[in-house]
PDB file of N, CA and C in Angstrom:
ATOM      1  N   MET A   1      18.642   0.616   6.332  1.00  0.00           N
ATOM      2  CA  MET A   1      17.739   0.894   5.367  1.00  0.00           C
ATOM      3  C   MET A   1      18.291   2.063   4.498  1.00  0.00           C
ATOM      4  N   HIS A   2      17.913   1.732   3.205  1.00  0.00           N
ATOM      5  CA  HIS A   2      18.248   2.784   2.149  1.00  0.00           C
ATOM      6  C   HIS A   2      17.032   3.309   1.314  1.00  0.00           C
ATOM      7  N   LEU A   3      16.956   4.440   1.145  1.00  0.00           N
ATOM      8  CA  LEU A   3      15.860   4.808   0.284  1.00  0.00           C
ATOM      9  C   LEU A   3      16.278   5.595  -0.855  1.00  0.00           C
ATOM     10  N   SER A   4      15.912   5.372  -2.161  1.00  0.00           N
ATOM     11  CA  SER A   4      16.404   6.215  -3.058  1.00  0.00           C
ATOM     12  C   SER A   4      15.207   6.676  -3.982  1.00  0.00           C
ATOM     13  N   ILE A   5      15.132   7.868  -4.347  1.00  0.00           N
ATOM     14  CA  ILE A   5      14.117   8.346  -5.162  1.00  0.00           C
ATOM     15  C   ILE A   5      14.638   8.927  -6.421  1.00  0.00           C
ATOM     16  N   THR A   6      14.213   8.545  -7.544  1.00  0.00           N
ATOM     17  CA  THR A   6      14.634   8.948  -8.882  1.00  0.00           C
ATOM     18  C   THR A   6      13.337   9.576  -9.525  1.00  0.00           C
ATOM     19  N   ARG A   7      13.348  11.058  -9.748  1.00  0.00           N
ATOM     20  CA  ARG A   7      12.168  11.618 -10.462  1.00  0.00           C
ATOM     21  C   ARG A   7      12.828  12.345 -11.676  1.00  0.00           C
ATOM     22  N   LEU A   8      12.502  12.071 -12.797  1.00  0.00           N
ATOM     23  CA  LEU A   8      12.684  12.798 -13.954  1.00  0.00           C
ATOM     24  C   LEU A   8      11.158  12.926 -14.760  1.00  0.00           C
ATOM     25  N   GLU A   9      10.935  14.206 -14.629  1.00  0.00           N
ATOM     26  CA  GLU A   9       9.525  14.606 -15.095  1.00  0.00           C
ATOM     27  C   GLU A   9       9.309  13.982 -16.389  1.00  0.00           C
ATOM     28  N   GLY A  10       8.458  13.197 -16.494  1.00  0.00           N
ATOM     29  CA  GLY A  10       7.734  12.359 -17.663  1.00  0.00           C
ATOM     30  C   GLY A  10       8.476  11.299 -18.020  1.00  0.00           C
ATOM     31  N   LEU A  11       9.713  10.968 -17.398  1.00  0.00           N
ATOM     32  CA  LEU A  11      10.572   9.876 -17.748  1.00  0.00           C
ATOM     33  C   LEU A  11      10.642   8.711 -16.766  1.00  0.00           C
ATOM     34  N   ARG A  12      10.881   9.218 -15.608  1.00  0.00           N
ATOM     35  CA  ARG A  12      10.996   8.065 -14.538  1.00  0.00           C
ATOM     36  C   ARG A  12      10.388   8.535 -13.166  1.00  0.00           C
ATOM     37  N   ASN A  13       9.948   7.810 -12.430  1.00  0.00           N
ATOM     38  CA  ASN A  13       9.535   8.213 -11.154  1.00  0.00           C
ATOM     39  C   ASN A  13       9.592   6.902 -10.270  1.00  0.00           C
ATOM     40  N   ASP A  14      10.795   6.552  -9.694  1.00  0.00           N
ATOM     41  CA  ASP A  14      11.208   5.569  -9.099  1.00  0.00           C
ATOM     42  C   ASP A  14      11.370   5.625  -7.683  1.00  0.00           C
ATOM     43  N   LEU A  15      10.948   4.690  -6.898  1.00  0.00           N
ATOM     44  CA  LEU A  15      11.177   4.719  -5.430  1.00  0.00           C
ATOM     45  C   LEU A  15      11.668   3.276  -5.088  1.00  0.00           C
ATOM     46  N   THR A  16      12.940   3.206  -4.470  1.00  0.00           N
ATOM     47  CA  THR A  16      13.530   1.999  -4.048  1.00  0.00           C
ATOM     48  C   THR A  16      13.860   1.975  -2.488  1.00  0.00           C
ATOM     49  N   LEU A  17      13.435   0.987  -1.897  1.00  0.00           N
ATOM     50  CA  LEU A  17      13.614   0.892  -0.721  1.00  0.00           C
ATOM     51  C   LEU A  17      14.440  -0.200  -0.374  1.00  0.00           C
ATOM     52  N   ARG A  18      15.628  -0.443   0.162  1.00  0.00           N
ATOM     53  CA  ARG A  18      16.348  -1.572   0.448  1.00  0.00           C
ATOM     54  C   ARG A  18      16.539  -1.845   1.958  1.00  0.00           C
ATOM     55  N   LEU A  19      15.936  -2.919   2.644  1.00  0.00           N
ATOM     56  CA  LEU A  19      16.190  -3.313   3.835  1.00  0.00           C
ATOM     57  C   LEU A  19      17.346  -4.172   3.976  1.00  0.00           C
ATOM     58  N   GLU A  20      18.090  -4.030   5.107  1.00  0.00           N
ATOM     59  CA  GLU A  20      19.224  -4.934   5.481  1.00  0.00           C
ATOM     60  C   GLU A  20      18.479  -6.275   5.963  1.00  0.00           C
ATOM     61  N   ARG A  21      19.148  -7.354   5.688  1.00  0.00           N
ATOM     62  CA  ARG A  21      18.650  -8.722   6.166  1.00  0.00           C
ATOM     63  C   ARG A  21      18.162  -8.733   7.562  1.00  0.00           C
ATOM     64  N   SER A  22      19.007  -7.970   8.345  1.00  0.00           N
ATOM     65  CA  SER A  22      18.612  -7.933  10.011  1.00  0.00           C
ATOM     66  C   SER A  22      17.368  -7.271  10.059  1.00  0.00           C
ATOM     67  N   GLU A  23      16.945  -6.328   9.086  1.00  0.00           N
ATOM     68  CA  GLU A  23      15.612  -5.747   9.450  1.00  0.00           C
ATOM     69  C   GLU A  23      14.355  -6.539   8.779  1.00  0.00           C
ATOM     70  N   VAL A  24      14.584  -7.364   7.899  1.00  0.00           N
ATOM     71  CA  VAL A  24      13.495  -8.115   7.232  1.00  0.00           C
ATOM     72  C   VAL A  24      12.741  -8.909   8.178  1.00  0.00           C
ATOM     73  N   GLU A  25      13.286  -9.572   9.195  1.00  0.00           N
ATOM     74  CA  GLU A  25      12.436 -10.311  10.063  1.00  0.00           C
ATOM     75  C   GLU A  25      11.395  -9.515  10.664  1.00  0.00           C
ATOM     76  N   ASP A  26      11.874  -8.208  10.984  1.00  0.00           N
ATOM     77  CA  ASP A  26      10.886  -7.369  11.715  1.00  0.00           C
ATOM     78  C   ASP A  26       9.910  -6.624  10.794  1.00  0.00           C
ATOM     79  N   ALA A  27       9.875  -6.733   9.442  1.00  0.00           N
ATOM     80  CA  ALA A  27       9.255  -6.011   8.586  1.00  0.00           C
ATOM     81  C   ALA A  27       7.897  -6.421   8.592  1.00  0.00           C
ATOM     82  N   LEU A  28       6.910  -5.400   8.462  1.00  0.00           N
ATOM     83  CA  LEU A  28       5.505  -5.796   8.428  1.00  0.00           C
ATOM     84  C   LEU A  28       4.827  -5.011   7.177  1.00  0.00           C
ATOM     85  N   LEU A  29       4.222  -5.954   6.473  1.00  0.00           N
ATOM     86  CA  LEU A  29       3.435  -5.273   5.214  1.00  0.00           C
ATOM     87  C   LEU A  29       2.023  -5.429   5.708  1.00  0.00           C
ATOM     88  N   SER A  30       1.262  -4.575   5.594  1.00  0.00           N
ATOM     89  CA  SER A  30      -0.205  -4.497   5.915  1.00  0.00           C
ATOM     90  C   SER A  30      -0.942  -3.668   4.870  1.00  0.00           C
ATOM     91  N   VAL A  31      -1.828  -4.336   4.136  1.00  0.00           N
ATOM     92  CA  VAL A  31      -2.540  -3.736   3.007  1.00  0.00           C
ATOM     93  C   VAL A  31      -3.998  -3.509   3.786  1.00  0.00           C
ATOM     94  N   ALA A  32      -4.240  -2.159   3.969  1.00  0.00           N
ATOM     95  CA  ALA A  32      -5.765  -1.859   4.286  1.00  0.00           C
ATOM     96  C   ALA A  32      -6.835  -2.551   3.442  1.00  0.00           C
ATOM     97  N   HIS A  33      -7.632  -3.123   3.952  1.00  0.00           N
ATOM     98  CA  HIS A  33      -8.908  -3.570   3.093  1.00  0.00           C
ATOM     99  C   HIS A  33      -8.551  -4.499   1.847  1.00  0.00           C
ATOM    100  N   ARG A  34      -7.413  -5.367   2.118  1.00  0.00           N
ATOM    101  CA  ARG A  34      -6.650  -6.082   1.271  1.00  0.00           C
ATOM    102  C   ARG A  34      -7.701  -6.913   0.386  1.00  0.00           C
ATOM    103  N   ASP A  35      -8.577  -7.732   1.035  1.00  0.00           N
ATOM    104  CA  ASP A  35      -9.540  -8.569  -0.003  1.00  0.00           C
ATOM    105  C   ASP A  35     -10.321  -7.767  -0.810  1.00  0.00           C
ATOM    106  N   GLN A  36     -10.927  -6.673  -0.281  1.00  0.00           N
ATOM    107  CA  GLN A  36     -11.766  -5.793  -1.081  1.00  0.00           C
ATOM    108  C   GLN A  36     -10.905  -5.131  -2.184  1.00  0.00           C
ATOM    109  N   LEU A  37      -9.695  -4.655  -2.017  1.00  0.00           N
ATOM    110  CA  LEU A  37      -8.822  -4.080  -3.086  1.00  0.00           C
ATOM    111  C   LEU A  37      -8.647  -5.050  -4.311  1.00  0.00           C
ATOM    112  N   MET A  38      -8.172  -6.396  -3.685  1.00  0.00           N
ATOM    113  CA  MET A  38      -7.871  -7.436  -4.700  1.00  0.00           C
ATOM    114  C   MET A  38      -9.187  -7.789  -5.754  1.00  0.00           C
ATOM    115  N   ARG A  39     -10.302  -7.322  -5.377  1.00  0.00           N
ATOM    116  CA  ARG A  39     -11.312  -7.503  -6.399  1.00  0.00           C
ATOM    117  C   ARG A  39     -11.909  -6.353  -7.152  1.00  0.00           C
ATOM    118  N   LEU A  40     -11.048  -5.377  -6.888  1.00  0.00           N
ATOM    119  CA  LEU A  40     -11.367  -3.839  -7.696  1.00  0.00           C
ATOM    120  C   LEU A  40     -10.242  -3.769  -8.905  1.00  0.00           C
ATOM    121  N   PRO A  41     -10.695  -3.002  -9.897  1.00  0.00           N
ATOM    122  CA  PRO A  41      -9.894  -2.833 -10.993  1.00  0.00           C
ATOM    123  C   PRO A  41      -8.787  -1.809 -10.756  1.00  0.00           C
ATOM    124  N   GLY A  42      -8.664  -1.251  -9.783  1.00  0.00           N
ATOM    125  CA  GLY A  42      -7.662  -0.231  -9.577  1.00  0.00           C
ATOM    126  C   GLY A  42      -8.064   1.022  -9.974  1.00  0.00           C
ATOM    127  N   MET A  43      -6.981   1.997 -10.165  1.00  0.00           N
ATOM    128  CA  MET A  43      -7.404   3.258 -10.677  1.00  0.00           C
ATOM    129  C   MET A  43      -7.935   3.267 -12.137  1.00  0.00           C
ATOM    130  N   LEU A  44      -9.051   3.922 -12.323  1.00  0.00           N
ATOM    131  CA  LEU A  44      -9.645   3.918 -13.623  1.00  0.00           C
ATOM    132  C   LEU A  44      -9.278   5.023 -14.676  1.00  0.00           C
ATOM    133  N   ARG A  45      -8.461   4.729 -15.458  1.00  0.00           N
ATOM    134  CA  ARG A  45      -7.743   5.701 -16.182  1.00  0.00           C
ATOM    135  C   ARG A  45      -8.308   5.891 -17.684  1.00  0.00           C
ATOM    136  N   HIS A  46      -8.633   4.615 -18.229  1.00  0.00           N
ATOM    137  CA  HIS A  46      -9.104   4.713 -19.538  1.00  0.00           C
ATOM    138  C   HIS A  46     -10.662   4.405 -19.888  1.00  0.00           C
ATOM    139  N   ARG A  47     -11.251   4.323 -18.716  1.00  0.00           N
ATOM    140  CA  ARG A  47     -12.802   4.183 -18.862  1.00  0.00           C
ATOM    141  C   ARG A  47     -13.533   4.770 -17.719  1.00  0.00           C
ATOM    142  N   VAL A  48     -14.771   4.866 -17.745  1.00  0.00           N
ATOM    143  CA  VAL A  48     -15.586   5.419 -16.632  1.00  0.00           C
ATOM    144  C   VAL A  48     -15.994   4.223 -15.865  1.00  0.00           C
ATOM    145  N   GLY A  49     -15.799   4.275 -14.455  1.00  0.00           N
ATOM    146  CA  GLY A  49     -16.127   3.043 -13.762  1.00  0.00           C
ATOM    147  C   GLY A  49     -17.482   2.809 -13.447  1.00  0.00           C
ATOM    148  N   THR A  50     -17.908   1.721 -13.383  1.00  0.00           N
ATOM    149  CA  THR A  50     -19.221   1.358 -12.888  1.00  0.00           C
ATOM    150  C   THR A  50     -19.706   2.075 -11.593  1.00  0.00           C
ATOM    151  N   PRO A  51     -21.027   2.321 -11.152  1.00  0.00           N
ATOM    152  CA  PRO A  51     -21.235   2.843  -9.815  1.00  0.00           C
ATOM    153  C   PRO A  51     -20.567   1.927  -8.645  1.00  0.00           C
ATOM    154  N   ASP A  52     -20.929   0.556  -8.749  1.00  0.00           N
ATOM    155  CA  ASP A  52     -20.164  -0.394  -7.805  1.00  0.00           C
ATOM    156  C   ASP A  52     -18.650  -0.400  -7.778  1.00  0.00           C
ATOM    157  N   GLU A  53     -17.861  -0.322  -8.960  1.00  0.00           N
ATOM    158  CA  GLU A  53     -16.470  -0.022  -8.872  1.00  0.00           C
ATOM    159  C   GLU A  53     -16.027   1.258  -8.169  1.00  0.00           C
ATOM    160  N   LEU A  54     -16.834   2.341  -8.566  1.00  0.00           N
ATOM    161  CA  LEU A  54     -16.505   3.565  -7.972  1.00  0.00           C
ATOM    162  C   LEU A  54     -16.669   3.642  -6.390  1.00  0.00           C
ATOM    163  N   GLN A  55     -17.854   2.995  -6.034  1.00  0.00           N
ATOM    164  CA  GLN A  55     -18.085   2.952  -4.579  1.00  0.00           C
ATOM    165  C   GLN A  55     -17.213   2.088  -3.971  1.00  0.00           C
ATOM    166  N   GLY A  56     -16.867   0.809  -4.499  1.00  0.00           N
ATOM    167  CA  GLY A  56     -15.670   0.063  -3.997  1.00  0.00           C
ATOM    168  C   GLY A  56     -14.441   0.697  -3.704  1.00  0.00           C
ATOM    169  N   ILE A  57     -13.955   1.412  -4.863  1.00  0.00           N
ATOM    170  CA  ILE A  57     -12.846   2.134  -4.666  1.00  0.00           C
ATOM    171  C   ILE A  57     -12.544   3.126  -3.423  1.00  0.00           C
ATOM    172  N   ALA A  58     -13.734   4.016  -3.246  1.00  0.00           N
ATOM    173  CA  ALA A  58     -13.891   4.761  -2.315  1.00  0.00           C
ATOM    174  C   ALA A  58     -14.056   4.116  -0.938  1.00  0.00           C
ATOM    175  N   ASP A  59     -14.756   2.973  -0.769  1.00  0.00           N
ATOM    176  CA  ASP A  59     -14.857   2.363   0.566  1.00  0.00           C
ATOM    177  C   ASP A  59     -13.591   1.837   0.980  1.00  0.00           C
ATOM    178  N   ALA A  60     -12.605   1.418  -0.118  1.00  0.00           N
ATOM    179  CA  ALA A  60     -11.211   0.727   0.251  1.00  0.00           C
ATOM    180  C   ALA A  60     -10.217   1.798   0.811  1.00  0.00           C
ATOM    181  N   LYS A  61     -10.456   3.011   0.660  1.00  0.00           N
ATOM    182  CA  LYS A  61      -9.510   3.986   1.019  1.00  0.00           C
ATOM    183  C   LYS A  61      -9.529   4.124   2.572  1.00  0.00           C
ATOM    184  N   MET A  62      -8.365   4.236   3.220  1.00  0.00           N
ATOM    185  CA  MET A  62      -8.244   4.335   4.718  1.00  0.00           C
ATOM    186  C   MET A  62      -7.175   5.470   4.854  1.00  0.00           C
ATOM    187  N   PRO A  63      -7.423   6.448   5.627  1.00  0.00           N
ATOM    188  CA  PRO A  63      -6.343   7.394   5.822  1.00  0.00           C
ATOM    189  C   PRO A  63      -5.190   6.852   6.462  1.00  0.00           C
ATOM    190  N   ILE A  64      -3.991   7.224   5.956  1.00  0.00           N
ATOM    191  CA  ILE A  64      -2.828   6.598   6.525  1.00  0.00           C
ATOM    192  C   ILE A  64      -2.640   6.745   7.974  1.00  0.00           C
ATOM    193  N   ASP A  65      -2.875   7.794   8.575  1.00  0.00           N
ATOM    194  CA  ASP A  65      -2.714   7.822  10.150  1.00  0.00           C
ATOM    195  C   ASP A  65      -3.755   6.860  10.820  1.00  0.00           C
ATOM    196  N   ALA A  66      -5.065   6.484  10.275  1.00  0.00           N
ATOM    197  CA  ALA A  66      -5.766   5.591  10.990  1.00  0.00           C
ATOM    198  C   ALA A  66      -5.307   4.199  10.723  1.00  0.00           C
ATOM    199  N   HIS A  67      -4.778   3.927   9.548  1.00  0.00           N
ATOM    200  CA  HIS A  67      -4.147   2.637   9.265  1.00  0.00           C
ATOM    201  C   HIS A  67      -2.962   2.292  10.341  1.00  0.00           C
ATOM    202  N   LEU A  68      -2.097   3.293  10.520  1.00  0.00           N
ATOM    203  CA  LEU A  68      -0.937   3.091  11.447  1.00  0.00           C
ATOM    204  C   LEU A  68      -1.477   3.094  12.890  1.00  0.00           C
ATOM    205  N   ARG A  69      -2.548   3.737  13.324  1.00  0.00           N
ATOM    206  CA  ARG A  69      -3.041   3.476  14.539  1.00  0.00           C
ATOM    207  C   ARG A  69      -3.477   2.184  14.797  1.00  0.00           C
ATOM    208  N   GLN A  70      -4.340   1.743  13.753  1.00  0.00           N
ATOM    209  CA  GLN A  70      -4.826   0.324  13.875  1.00  0.00           C
ATOM    210  C   GLN A  70      -3.722  -0.560  14.086  1.00  0.00           C
ATOM    211  N   LEU A  71      -2.710  -0.663  13.471  1.00  0.00           N
ATOM    212  CA  LEU A  71      -1.708  -1.511  13.403  1.00  0.00           C
ATOM    213  C   LEU A  71      -0.848  -1.388  14.837  1.00  0.00           C
ATOM    214  N   GLY A  72      -0.990  -0.278  15.509  1.00  0.00           N
ATOM    215  CA  GLY A  72      -0.268  -0.230  16.705  1.00  0.00           C
ATOM    216  C   GLY A  72       1.168   0.434  16.444  1.00  0.00           C
ATOM    217  N   ILE A  73       1.347   1.065  15.381  1.00  0.00           N
ATOM    218  CA  ILE A  73       2.588   1.548  14.991  1.00  0.00           C
ATOM    219  C   ILE A  73       2.830   2.949  15.642  1.00  0.00           C
ATOM    220  N   VAL A  74       1.572   3.653  15.928  1.00  0.00           N
ATOM    221  CA  VAL A  74       1.774   5.043  16.484  1.00  0.00           C
ATOM    222  C   VAL A  74       0.845   4.942  17.585  1.00  0.00           C
ATOM    223  N   ASP A  75       1.086   5.795  18.734  1.00  0.00           N
ATOM    224  CA  ASP A  75       0.229   5.805  19.846  1.00  0.00           C
ATOM    225  C   ASP A  75      -0.917   6.778  19.617  1.00  0.00           C
ATOM    226  N   GLU A  76      -1.785   7.036  20.563  1.00  0.00           N
ATOM    227  CA  GLU A  76      -3.088   7.860  20.550  1.00  0.00           C
ATOM    228  C   GLU A  76      -2.627   9.318  20.284  1.00  0.00           C
ATOM    229  N   THR A  77      -1.465   9.819  20.461  1.00  0.00           N
ATOM    230  CA  THR A  77      -1.001  10.960  20.174  1.00  0.00           C
ATOM    231  C   THR A  77      -0.365  11.048  18.765  1.00  0.00           C
ATOM    232  N   GLY A  78      -0.320  10.174  18.056  1.00  0.00           N
ATOM    233  CA  GLY A  78       0.286   9.962  16.850  1.00  0.00           C
ATOM    234  C   GLY A  78       1.736   9.755  16.736  1.00  0.00           C
ATOM    235  N   ARG A  79       2.504   9.488  17.949  1.00  0.00           N
ATOM    236  CA  ARG A  79       3.814   9.499  17.936  1.00  0.00           C
ATOM    237  C   ARG A  79       4.146   8.048  17.510  1.00  0.00           C
ATOM    238  N   ALA A  80       5.189   7.866  16.719  1.00  0.00           N
ATOM    239  CA  ALA A  80       5.703   6.473  16.336  1.00  0.00           C
ATOM    240  C   ALA A  80       6.180   5.763  17.462  1.00  0.00           C
ATOM    241  N   SER A  81       5.818   4.414  17.556  1.00  0.00           N
ATOM    242  CA  SER A  81       6.218   3.396  18.544  1.00  0.00           C
ATOM    243  C   SER A  81       7.358   2.698  17.869  1.00  0.00           C
ATOM    244  N   ARG A  82       7.490   2.520  16.573  1.00  0.00           N
ATOM    245  CA  ARG A  82       8.338   1.879  15.860  1.00  0.00           C
ATOM    246  C   ARG A  82       8.533   2.518  14.398  1.00  0.00           C
ATOM    247  N   ARG A  83       9.653   2.002  13.712  1.00  0.00           N
ATOM    248  CA  ARG A  83      10.056   2.657  12.481  1.00  0.00           C
ATOM    249  C   ARG A  83       8.967   2.028  11.495  1.00  0.00           C
ATOM    250  N   ALA A  84       8.570   2.916  10.723  1.00  0.00           N
ATOM    251  CA  ALA A  84       7.665   2.507   9.535  1.00  0.00           C
ATOM    252  C   ALA A  84       7.762   3.036   8.117  1.00  0.00           C
ATOM    253  N   ILE A  85       7.441   2.262   7.094  1.00  0.00           N
ATOM    254  CA  ILE A  85       7.368   3.043   5.828  1.00  0.00           C
ATOM    255  C   ILE A  85       6.006   2.727   5.237  1.00  0.00           C
ATOM    256  N   ALA A  86       5.178   3.770   5.080  1.00  0.00           N
ATOM    257  CA  ALA A  86       3.750   3.800   4.821  1.00  0.00           C
ATOM    258  C   ALA A  86       3.729   4.033   3.485  1.00  0.00           C
ATOM    259  N   ILE A  87       2.815   3.146   2.733  1.00  0.00           N
ATOM    260  CA  ILE A  87       2.515   3.355   1.223  1.00  0.00           C
ATOM    261  C   ILE A  87       0.934   3.378   1.185  1.00  0.00           C
ATOM    262  N   SER A  88       0.294   4.483   0.767  1.00  0.00           N
ATOM    263  CA  SER A  88      -1.207   4.343   0.893  1.00  0.00           C
ATOM    264  C   SER A  88      -1.827   3.465  -0.137  1.00  0.00           C
ATOM    265  N   ASN A  89      -2.959   3.202   0.169  1.00  0.00           N
ATOM    266  CA  ASN A  89      -3.833   2.375  -0.951  1.00  0.00           C
ATOM    267  C   ASN A  89      -3.912   3.066  -2.127  1.00  0.00           C
ATOM    268  N   ARG A  90      -3.888   4.214  -2.227  1.00  0.00           N
ATOM    269  CA  ARG A  90      -3.834   5.046  -3.460  1.00  0.00           C
ATOM    270  C   ARG A  90      -2.748   4.794  -4.342  1.00  0.00           C
ATOM    271  N   ASN A  91      -1.729   4.153  -3.829  1.00  0.00           N
ATOM    272  CA  ASN A  91      -0.562   3.696  -4.562  1.00  0.00           C
ATOM    273  C   ASN A  91      -0.592   2.330  -4.895  1.00  0.00           C
ATOM    274  N   LEU A  92      -0.371   1.445  -3.976  1.00  0.00           N
ATOM    275  CA  LEU A  92      -0.364   0.116  -4.067  1.00  0.00           C
ATOM    276  C   LEU A  92      -1.670  -0.513  -4.635  1.00  0.00           C
ATOM    277  N   GLY A  93      -2.748   0.034  -4.033  1.00  0.00           N
ATOM    278  CA  GLY A  93      -4.052  -0.516  -4.526  1.00  0.00           C
ATOM    279  C   GLY A  93      -4.572   0.099  -5.739  1.00  0.00           C
ATOM    280  N   ALA A  94      -3.828   1.006  -6.547  1.00  0.00           N
ATOM    281  CA  ALA A  94      -4.436   1.620  -7.584  1.00  0.00           C
ATOM    282  C   ALA A  94      -3.609   1.193  -8.985  1.00  0.00           C
ATOM    283  N   ASN A  95      -2.237   0.815  -8.715  1.00  0.00           N
ATOM    284  CA  ASN A  95      -1.383   0.601  -9.967  1.00  0.00           C
ATOM    285  C   ASN A  95      -1.294  -0.994 -10.079  1.00  0.00           C
ATOM    286  N   HIS A  96      -1.610  -1.329 -11.497  1.00  0.00           N
ATOM    287  CA  HIS A  96      -1.534  -2.709 -11.905  1.00  0.00           C
ATOM    288  C   HIS A  96      -0.140  -3.310 -11.763  1.00  0.00           C
ATOM    289  N   GLY A  97       0.802  -2.556 -11.792  1.00  0.00           N
ATOM    290  CA  GLY A  97       2.154  -3.039 -11.905  1.00  0.00           C
ATOM    291  C   GLY A  97       2.630  -3.382 -10.455  1.00  0.00           C
ATOM    292  N   PHE A  98       1.926  -3.192  -9.419  1.00  0.00           N
ATOM    293  CA  PHE A  98       2.578  -3.244  -8.058  1.00  0.00           C
ATOM    294  C   PHE A  98       2.103  -4.619  -7.466  1.00  0.00           C
ATOM    295  N   VAL A  99       2.906  -5.524  -7.027  1.00  0.00           N
ATOM    296  CA  VAL A  99       2.581  -6.562  -6.498  1.00  0.00           C
ATOM    297  C   VAL A  99       3.336  -6.685  -5.170  1.00  0.00           C
ATOM    298  N   ALA A 100       2.637  -7.389  -4.200  1.00  0.00           N
ATOM    299  CA  ALA A 100       3.136  -7.552  -2.829  1.00  0.00           C
ATOM    300  C   ALA A 100       3.140  -9.030  -2.346  1.00  0.00           C
ATOM    301  N   TRP A 101       4.048  -9.428  -1.382  1.00  0.00           N
ATOM    302  CA  TRP A 101       4.091 -10.687  -0.994  1.00  0.00           C
ATOM    303  C   TRP A 101       3.812 -10.519   0.543  1.00  0.00           C
ATOM    304  N   GLN A 102       2.827 -11.226   1.127  1.00  0.00           N
ATOM    305  CA  GLN A 102       2.512 -11.287   2.657  1.00  0.00           C
ATOM    306  C   GLN A 102       2.620 -12.536   3.077  1.00  0.00           C
ATOM    307  N   ARG A 103       3.679 -12.986   4.064  1.00  0.00           N
ATOM    308  CA  ARG A 103       3.777 -14.266   4.353  1.00  0.00           C
ATOM    309  C   ARG A 103       2.471 -14.957   5.128  1.00  0.00           C
ATOM    310  N   SER A 104       1.898 -14.053   6.011  1.00  0.00           N
ATOM    311  CA  SER A 104       0.688 -14.576   6.773  1.00  0.00           C
ATOM    312  C   SER A 104      -0.617 -14.519   6.240  1.00  0.00           C
ATOM    313  N   ALA A 105      -0.727 -14.000   4.848  1.00  0.00           N
ATOM    314  CA  ALA A 105      -1.873 -13.871   4.151  1.00  0.00           C
ATOM    315  C   ALA A 105      -2.220 -14.943   3.236  1.00  0.00           C
ATOM    316  N   ALA A 106      -3.530 -14.979   2.777  1.00  0.00           N
ATOM    317  CA  ALA A 106      -3.977 -16.176   1.999  1.00  0.00           C
ATOM    318  C   ALA A 106      -4.833 -15.255   0.987  1.00  0.00           C
ATOM    319  N   PRO A 107      -4.532 -15.294  -0.365  1.00  0.00           N
ATOM    320  CA  PRO A 107      -3.241 -15.761  -0.984  1.00  0.00           C
ATOM    321  C   PRO A 107      -2.059 -14.879  -0.428  1.00  0.00           C
ATOM    322  N   LYS A 108      -0.888 -15.530  -0.377  1.00  0.00           N
ATOM    323  CA  LYS A 108       0.199 -14.521  -0.052  1.00  0.00           C
ATOM    324  C   LYS A 108       0.599 -13.465  -1.161  1.00  0.00           C
ATOM    325  N   ILE A 109       0.277 -13.622  -2.354  1.00  0.00           N
ATOM    326  CA  ILE A 109       0.504 -12.572  -3.422  1.00  0.00           C
ATOM    327  C   ILE A 109      -0.715 -11.739  -3.312  1.00  0.00           C
ATOM    328  N   PHE A 110      -0.341 -10.222  -3.271  1.00  0.00           N
ATOM    329  CA  PHE A 110      -1.395  -9.324  -3.384  1.00  0.00           C
ATOM    330  C   PHE A 110      -1.221  -8.654  -4.690  1.00  0.00           C
ATOM    331  N   ARG A 111      -2.306  -8.539  -5.450  1.00  0.00           N
ATOM    332  CA  ARG A 111      -2.312  -7.673  -6.626  1.00  0.00           C
ATOM    333  C   ARG A 111      -3.736  -7.389  -7.041  1.00  0.00           C
ATOM    334  N   ILE A 112      -3.952  -6.325  -7.625  1.00  0.00           N
ATOM    335  CA  ILE A 112      -5.287  -5.797  -8.039  1.00  0.00           C
ATOM    336  C   ILE A 112      -5.541  -6.455  -9.597  1.00  0.00           C
ATOM    337  N   LEU A 113      -6.917  -6.672  -9.848  1.00  0.00           N
ATOM    338  CA  LEU A 113      -7.337  -7.129 -11.012  1.00  0.00           C
ATOM    339  C   LEU A 113      -6.597  -6.388 -12.262  1.00  0.00           C
TER     340      LEU A 113
END
């Protein structure tokens, strides 16, 4: 696995993760509250959200430690049982430019409105 972060204030903010082919088969992508998030507008930057949108966004949030426990990636003490890369809903579920593909999901493509 190779992780690269490029941060140039105001210019770039890139995170690149490269998995070796041998690691891809064991990779797991899990989006907390996936169906709920796909119906939401993401982070509202240029307008005030409706009460339903704001409540929907609040309801879709899941603390990352709770999500990892739910997936069985950490034990009851919080100790990792397998290697994981965790991206919060605040990131994947808020930005319109992020798209994810999940083999076992329907639809396979995840994106917010």
